[in-house]
Amino acid sequence: MPVVRVSTDLFLPAARRLVSQTNASIEDAARRLVESAPRHGIDMSLCFVTLEAPSRPLRAGRAGKAQPVVRQACLAVKGSGRTAMLFISEPSVGELEAPEARDERVACIRAAVDLLAREHARDVGLVQALPEPEEIWTTEACDQAGFIRVGDLSYLRCPPLKARDAQRLAHEFDDRAPWPEGVEILRCSDLPPSLLDDLLGEALESSYVDTLDCPELSGLRSKADVIDSHRSIGRYDPSTWWLVQRNGKPRGCMLLSGCPDQRATELVYLGLAPELRHAGMGKRLLAMGLQTMRRIHPTWGVTCAVDERNTPALRLYDRLGFERVARRVALVRPI
């Protein structure tokens, strides 16, 4: 089945396959996707599809004009930090899926990745997909298309803190207690802007050593791209980003950003170099961050994502009141 890059006349048929097939009105959901795409930075022309064979009947549009029927689709959405996210068609509800459906999805994915590598290499260095574990059609197709599975992610949320929880956090982090010898916690807003990215890059690199959080990602992206991705989450505020130094050298960081649309704070990243782990530092840092964000946004919760292999982090989040709200499979392919 040949793969076709969508043109304007195929935007709506492609969108019908990209929206959830459980929508009460797939037609309305598809139309909303096409209409809202420009506002959200979505380029519908970065979509590839397979079509019904010409001998099969075409679906009639609202105006009575016959429209092509899209079998499978893959849309690439470019993001910050030279990344692109793939969105892939799911099986139609109530229909027995054809045996060749997976091969068609693989072909669409490969076509999208090839286009990004050929025409958008300056903007995209890593392609990713984040399906739910039950979306086997996506994980199988991405695997066949050469993607790497870099982790199973738990998405966690800590609800807005009540007074009793705030008291418990205050016990976890005492502003008067000293940090371990040689350790300094610095707000990024207090650091020279000209040095900030270099210091953050060193901090991130040191925290990746023997990490349990998606270690397969190590080395796949430049430090500049990673920092750019982190800054794009929510509303970047350097006063809620902290650098951890030991003996004057960056050895970790904690990055928090407010997300007004979700009325939540995102724990973008928390990582420490190996010599600072397992000494309660992570717990104190996170408690400090939660206290700070509670003062700024007292009615907001806090969200984060963590690799399910990272059991120390999961235990820490559990102790501080986080609960799992979703799961995703992280799949990536560098280009």
Protein backbone atom coordinates (compact mmCIF):
# COMPACT_ATOMS: atom_id res chain seq x y z
CA MET A 1 0.00 0.00 0.00
CA PRO A 2 1.69 3.27 -1.10
CA VAL A 3 2.28 6.00 1.46
CA VAL A 4 1.09 9.51 0.60
CA ARG A 5 2.08 12.82 2.17
CA VAL A 6 -1.13 14.70 2.89
CA SER A 7 -2.09 17.78 0.93
CA THR A 8 -4.79 20.26 1.95
CA ASP A 9 -7.58 18.08 0.56
CA LEU A 10 -6.42 15.20 2.77
CA PHE A 11 -6.17 17.17 6.04
CA LEU A 12 -9.68 16.26 7.19
CA PRO A 13 -9.61 12.57 6.12
CA ALA A 14 -6.25 12.19 7.89
CA ALA A 15 -7.55 13.94 11.01
CA ARG A 16 -10.46 11.47 11.14
CA ARG A 17 -7.95 8.68 11.71
CA LEU A 18 -5.72 10.64 14.09
CA VAL A 19 -8.40 11.60 16.63
CA SER A 20 -9.59 9.06 19.17
CA GLN A 21 -11.87 6.56 17.46
CA THR A 22 -14.05 6.48 20.60
CA ASN A 23 -15.16 10.09 20.08
CA ALA A 24 -18.93 10.48 19.98
CA SER A 25 -18.48 12.47 16.76
CA ILE A 26 -15.25 11.67 14.95
CA GLU A 27 -16.15 14.14 12.22
CA ASP A 28 -16.44 17.06 14.68
CA ALA A 29 -13.24 16.06 16.51
CA ALA A 30 -11.36 15.87 13.22
CA ARG A 31 -12.62 19.27 12.12
CA ARG A 32 -11.54 20.80 15.46
CA LEU A 33 -8.07 19.29 15.02
CA VAL A 34 -7.63 20.76 11.55
CA GLU A 35 -8.99 24.18 12.55
CA SER A 36 -6.93 24.46 15.75
CA ALA A 37 -3.69 23.02 14.33
CA PRO A 38 -2.13 26.37 13.29
CA ARG A 39 -2.75 27.87 16.75
CA HIS A 40 -0.90 24.98 18.38
CA GLY A 41 2.04 24.93 15.99
CA ILE A 42 0.86 21.74 14.26
CA ASP A 43 1.75 21.45 10.58
CA MET A 44 -0.76 19.01 9.08
CA SER A 45 1.45 18.63 6.01
CA LEU A 46 3.91 16.65 8.19
CA CYS A 47 1.44 13.77 8.02
CA PHE A 48 1.65 10.59 5.96
CA VAL A 49 -1.23 8.23 5.20
CA THR A 50 -2.22 5.12 3.32
CA LEU A 51 -5.46 5.25 1.33
CA GLU A 52 -8.16 2.82 0.37
CA ALA A 53 -7.60 1.23 -3.01
CA PRO A 54 -9.30 3.26 -5.79
CA SER A 55 -11.67 0.35 -6.53
CA ARG A 56 -13.30 0.74 -3.13
CA PRO A 57 -16.08 3.27 -2.53
CA LEU A 58 -15.11 6.73 -1.27
CA ARG A 59 -16.75 8.33 1.75
CA ALA A 60 -19.12 11.16 0.88
CA GLY A 61 -18.33 14.51 2.46
CA ARG A 62 -20.88 16.87 4.00
CA ALA A 63 -21.31 18.65 0.68
CA GLY A 64 -21.81 15.36 -1.12
CA LYS A 65 -18.34 15.38 -2.66
CA ALA A 66 -16.54 12.05 -2.47
CA GLN A 67 -13.52 12.09 -0.15
CA PRO A 68 -10.59 9.64 0.08
CA VAL A 69 -10.71 7.12 2.89
CA VAL A 70 -7.53 7.09 4.97
CA ARG A 71 -6.54 3.68 6.27
CA GLN A 72 -3.57 4.59 8.51
CA ALA A 73 -1.89 7.88 9.41
CA CYS A 74 1.17 9.27 11.21
CA LEU A 75 1.50 12.96 12.08
CA ALA A 76 4.79 14.52 13.22
CA VAL A 77 4.55 17.58 15.47
CA LYS A 78 7.77 19.53 15.92
CA GLY A 79 8.56 20.68 19.46
CA SER A 80 11.26 22.44 21.44
CA GLY A 81 14.76 21.09 21.95
CA ARG A 82 14.88 19.74 18.38
CA THR A 83 12.28 17.07 19.03
CA ALA A 84 9.21 15.87 17.17
CA MET A 85 6.30 13.87 18.59
CA LEU A 86 4.51 11.27 16.49
CA PHE A 87 0.75 10.69 16.62
CA ILE A 88 -0.38 7.44 15.02
CA SER A 89 -3.80 6.16 13.97
CA GLU A 90 -5.49 3.61 16.20
CA PRO A 91 -7.77 0.73 15.19
CA SER A 92 -11.32 1.72 14.31
CA VAL A 93 -13.87 0.78 16.98
CA GLY A 94 -15.97 -2.25 16.13
CA GLU A 95 -14.03 -3.12 12.98
CA LEU A 96 -11.79 -6.13 12.50
CA GLU A 97 -8.41 -4.69 11.68
CA ALA A 98 -6.79 -5.86 8.46
CA PRO A 99 -3.60 -7.93 8.90
CA GLU A 100 -1.58 -5.38 6.94
CA ALA A 101 -2.54 -2.50 9.27
CA ARG A 102 0.72 -2.68 11.24
CA ASP A 103 2.83 -2.69 8.08
CA GLU A 104 0.97 0.40 6.86
CA ARG A 105 1.58 2.19 10.18
CA VAL A 106 5.27 1.29 9.99
CA ALA A 107 5.44 2.67 6.46
CA CYS A 108 3.78 5.93 7.53
CA ILE A 109 6.16 6.29 10.50
CA ARG A 110 9.21 5.67 8.33
CA ALA A 111 8.02 8.20 5.77
CA ALA A 112 7.53 10.84 8.48
CA VAL A 113 10.96 10.17 10.01
CA ASP A 114 12.64 10.21 6.60
CA LEU A 115 11.05 13.57 5.79
CA LEU A 116 12.18 15.07 9.11
CA ALA A 117 15.72 13.79 8.55
CA ARG A 118 15.80 15.05 4.98
CA GLU A 119 14.12 18.45 5.29
CA HIS A 120 14.03 19.38 8.99
CA ALA A 121 17.34 18.13 10.42
CA ARG A 122 18.15 21.62 11.72
CA ASP A 123 14.93 21.62 13.76
CA VAL A 124 14.65 17.95 14.74
CA GLY A 125 17.29 15.61 16.12
CA LEU A 126 15.07 13.19 18.03
CA VAL A 127 11.67 11.73 17.16
CA GLN A 128 9.53 10.33 19.96
CA ALA A 129 6.20 8.69 20.72
CA LEU A 130 4.46 8.34 24.10
CA PRO A 131 1.65 5.79 23.75
CA GLU A 132 -0.27 4.36 26.67
CA PRO A 133 0.77 0.76 27.49
CA GLU A 134 -2.50 -0.53 26.03
CA GLU A 135 -1.80 1.10 22.66
CA ILE A 136 0.06 -1.93 21.39
CA TRP A 137 -0.53 -0.89 17.77
CA THR A 138 1.78 2.08 18.33
CA THR A 139 4.52 0.30 20.29
CA GLU A 140 4.66 -2.55 17.74
CA ALA A 141 4.79 -0.18 14.76
CA CYS A 142 7.46 2.04 16.34
CA ASP A 143 9.54 -1.01 17.22
CA GLN A 144 9.40 -2.18 13.61
CA ALA A 145 10.33 1.34 12.48
CA GLY A 146 13.57 1.31 14.50
CA PHE A 147 12.55 3.17 17.66
CA ILE A 148 14.22 2.49 21.02
CA ARG A 149 12.10 1.85 24.11
CA VAL A 150 13.71 4.08 26.73
CA GLY A 151 11.37 3.48 29.64
CA ASP A 152 7.88 2.94 30.99
CA LEU A 153 6.83 6.22 32.59
CA SER A 154 4.51 6.85 35.52
CA TYR A 155 2.88 10.27 35.52
CA LEU A 156 2.41 11.41 39.12
CA ARG A 157 0.46 14.17 40.79
CA CYS A 158 0.66 15.63 44.28
CA PRO A 159 -2.63 17.39 45.11
CA PRO A 160 -2.70 20.91 46.60
CA LEU A 161 -1.16 20.75 50.04
CA LYS A 162 -3.34 21.08 53.10
CA ALA A 163 -2.06 22.68 56.27
CA ARG A 164 -1.14 19.33 57.84
CA ASP A 165 0.82 18.28 54.74
CA ALA A 166 2.63 21.63 54.74
CA GLN A 167 3.69 21.05 58.33
CA ARG A 168 5.02 17.63 57.38
CA LEU A 169 7.00 19.17 54.54
CA ALA A 170 8.41 21.80 56.88
CA HIS A 171 9.67 18.93 59.02
CA GLU A 172 11.27 17.32 55.93
CA PHE A 173 13.05 20.55 55.07
CA ASP A 174 14.28 22.93 57.74
CA ASP A 175 15.59 26.20 56.29
CA ARG A 176 17.92 26.50 59.27
CA ALA A 177 19.52 23.08 58.84
CA PRO A 178 22.84 23.11 56.98
CA TRP A 179 23.35 21.19 53.78
CA PRO A 180 26.12 18.57 53.69
CA GLU A 181 29.64 19.92 53.81
CA GLY A 182 30.64 21.68 50.61
CA VAL A 183 27.10 21.68 49.19
CA GLU A 184 25.39 24.89 48.05
CA ILE A 185 21.87 25.27 46.64
CA LEU A 186 21.70 28.24 44.28
CA ARG A 187 18.68 29.76 42.55
CA CYS A 188 19.28 30.02 38.82
CA SER A 189 17.91 33.57 38.94
CA ASP A 190 20.91 34.51 41.09
CA LEU A 191 23.45 33.13 38.61
CA PRO A 192 25.04 35.14 35.75
CA PRO A 193 22.84 34.56 32.67
CA SER A 194 25.95 34.21 30.51
CA LEU A 195 27.10 31.22 32.58
CA LEU A 196 23.74 29.64 33.39
CA ASP A 197 23.45 27.18 30.50
CA ASP A 198 27.02 25.96 30.90
CA LEU A 199 26.47 25.38 34.62
CA LEU A 200 23.16 23.63 34.01
CA GLY A 201 24.76 21.49 31.31
CA GLU A 202 27.46 20.34 33.76
CA ALA A 203 24.84 19.68 36.44
CA LEU A 204 22.69 17.61 34.10
CA GLU A 205 25.65 15.65 32.77
CA SER A 206 26.81 14.76 36.28
CA SER A 207 23.29 13.63 37.24
CA TYR A 208 23.06 11.25 34.25
CA VAL A 209 25.88 9.06 35.56
CA ASP A 210 24.36 5.68 36.55
CA THR A 211 20.89 7.21 36.40
CA LEU A 212 17.84 4.98 36.73
CA ASP A 213 15.66 7.43 34.80
CA CYS A 214 15.63 6.49 31.11
CA PRO A 215 19.38 5.77 30.93
CA GLU A 216 18.98 4.83 27.25
CA LEU A 217 18.53 8.53 26.47
CA SER A 218 22.04 9.38 27.60
CA GLY A 219 24.05 10.86 24.75
CA LEU A 220 21.16 10.97 22.27
CA ARG A 221 20.69 14.75 22.60
CA SER A 222 22.94 17.71 23.14
CA LYS A 223 22.86 19.50 26.49
CA ALA A 224 21.59 22.63 24.74
CA ASP A 225 18.63 20.73 23.28
CA VAL A 226 17.80 19.19 26.67
CA ILE A 227 17.87 22.57 28.42
CA ASP A 228 15.74 24.10 25.68
CA SER A 229 13.16 21.31 26.14
CA HIS A 230 13.11 21.84 29.89
CA ARG A 231 12.60 25.59 29.47
CA SER A 232 9.64 25.01 27.14
CA ILE A 233 7.58 23.23 29.80
CA GLY A 234 5.05 25.54 31.40
CA ARG A 235 6.16 29.07 32.22
CA TYR A 236 9.91 29.21 32.69
CA ASP A 237 10.98 31.07 35.83
CA PRO A 238 14.68 30.87 36.82
CA SER A 239 13.75 31.66 40.43
CA THR A 240 12.15 28.19 40.69
CA TRP A 241 15.13 26.44 39.11
CA TRP A 242 17.95 25.47 41.48
CA LEU A 243 21.53 24.41 40.87
CA VAL A 244 23.25 22.04 43.30
CA GLN A 245 26.98 22.66 43.71
CA ARG A 246 29.54 20.70 45.69
CA ASN A 247 32.92 22.25 46.28
CA GLY A 248 32.10 24.84 43.65
CA LYS A 249 31.20 22.33 40.90
CA PRO A 250 27.68 21.70 39.50
CA ARG A 251 26.50 18.31 40.78
CA GLY A 252 22.75 18.34 40.16
CA CYS A 253 19.68 20.48 39.77
CA MET A 254 15.96 20.77 40.47
CA LEU A 255 13.76 22.47 37.90
CA LEU A 256 10.14 23.51 38.62
CA SER A 257 7.85 25.39 36.24
CA GLY A 258 4.31 26.67 36.63
CA CYS A 259 1.67 25.48 34.14
CA PRO A 260 -1.24 27.95 34.45
CA ASP A 261 -3.47 26.10 31.98
CA GLN A 262 -3.38 23.00 34.19
CA ARG A 263 -3.23 24.98 37.45
CA ALA A 264 -0.26 22.83 38.38
CA THR A 265 3.48 23.01 38.91
CA GLU A 266 5.57 20.66 36.79
CA LEU A 267 8.61 19.05 38.39
CA VAL A 268 10.56 19.23 35.15
CA TYR A 269 13.71 17.58 36.45
CA LEU A 270 15.38 16.51 39.69
CA GLY A 271 18.73 14.81 39.51
CA LEU A 272 21.94 14.51 41.54
CA ALA A 273 25.44 13.24 40.89
CA PRO A 274 26.12 9.75 42.35
CA GLU A 275 28.05 11.01 45.40
CA LEU A 276 25.05 13.08 46.55
CA ARG A 277 22.47 10.30 46.26
CA HIS A 278 21.12 8.12 49.06
CA ALA A 279 21.79 10.78 51.71
CA GLY A 280 18.35 12.40 51.88
CA MET A 281 19.35 15.25 49.56
CA GLY A 282 16.67 14.48 46.99
CA LYS A 283 13.96 14.45 49.64
CA ARG A 284 15.10 17.76 51.12
CA LEU A 285 15.35 19.39 47.71
CA LEU A 286 11.88 18.28 46.66
CA ALA A 287 10.36 19.31 49.99
CA MET A 288 12.00 22.72 49.58
CA GLY A 289 10.61 23.03 46.05
CA LEU A 290 7.10 22.01 47.10
CA GLN A 291 7.14 24.53 49.94
CA THR A 292 8.30 27.27 47.57
CA MET A 293 5.62 26.53 44.98
CA ARG A 294 2.93 26.31 47.66
CA ARG A 295 3.76 29.88 48.69
CA ILE A 296 3.52 31.03 45.05
CA HIS A 297 0.48 28.94 44.03
CA PRO A 298 -1.22 27.61 47.18
CA THR A 299 -4.09 25.93 45.29
CA TRP A 300 -1.98 24.19 42.65
CA GLY A 301 -0.89 20.56 42.65
CA VAL A 302 2.49 19.29 41.42
CA THR A 303 3.03 16.84 38.56
CA CYS A 304 5.99 14.87 37.26
CA ALA A 305 6.95 11.82 35.20
CA VAL A 306 9.36 9.12 36.33
CA ASP A 307 10.81 5.93 34.86
CA GLU A 308 9.18 2.99 36.63
CA ARG A 309 12.61 1.38 37.06
CA ASN A 310 13.62 4.31 39.29
CA THR A 311 12.34 2.80 42.52
CA PRO A 312 14.22 5.22 44.86
CA ALA A 313 12.50 8.17 43.15
CA LEU A 314 9.11 6.43 43.26
CA ARG A 315 9.52 5.81 47.01
CA LEU A 316 10.43 9.47 47.52
CA TYR A 317 7.40 10.73 45.60
CA ASP A 318 5.15 8.32 47.44
CA ARG A 319 6.36 9.61 50.83
CA LEU A 320 5.65 13.17 49.76
CA GLY A 321 2.09 12.41 48.68
CA PHE A 322 2.35 11.85 44.92
CA GLU A 323 -0.08 9.43 43.26
CA ARG A 324 0.05 7.86 39.80
CA VAL A 325 -2.49 9.28 37.37
CA ALA A 326 -1.30 7.83 34.03
CA ARG A 327 1.30 5.61 32.37
CA ARG A 328 3.14 5.98 29.08
CA VAL A 329 5.73 4.06 27.06
CA ALA A 330 8.63 6.26 25.95
CA LEU A 331 9.88 5.45 22.44
CA VAL A 332 12.57 7.46 20.65
CA ARG A 333 14.58 7.43 17.43
CA PRO A 334 17.48 9.81 16.80
CA ILE A 335 17.84 11.16 13.28
